[in-house]
């Protein structure tokens, strides 16, 4: 299945709009009503961890979609190929940072579930 660059751009815009909507809703929520919302908070954290994982995969795919400077010899001069190197370097850094963010955030649901278990356990 061949995909055009403008289709990729459109999908990126839709994903961005959904992420902005999520951020706006979290801002409007202000904070969870704990301990009542702990299960919902854990579920939301899992969704956000999944979103960060997908964002990491997107950054990696984007990195590979940008031609390597040696592959662009016929299109660009030396200065432009340096810019391509910079784009690839930054996209690789974004991938690595995204991976770290995903790994950090993916711990939150299990911690929240432990917290829920502690707060719902009968007193000893």
Foldseek 3Di string as FASTA:
>chain_A
DDDDPVNVVVVVVVLVVVVVVVVVVCVVVVDDDPPVCLLVVLVVLQVVLVVLVVVLVVLVVVLVVQDQLVVCVVPDDPVVNVVSVVSSVVSVVVSVVSVVVSVVSNVVSVVSVVVNCVVPDDDD
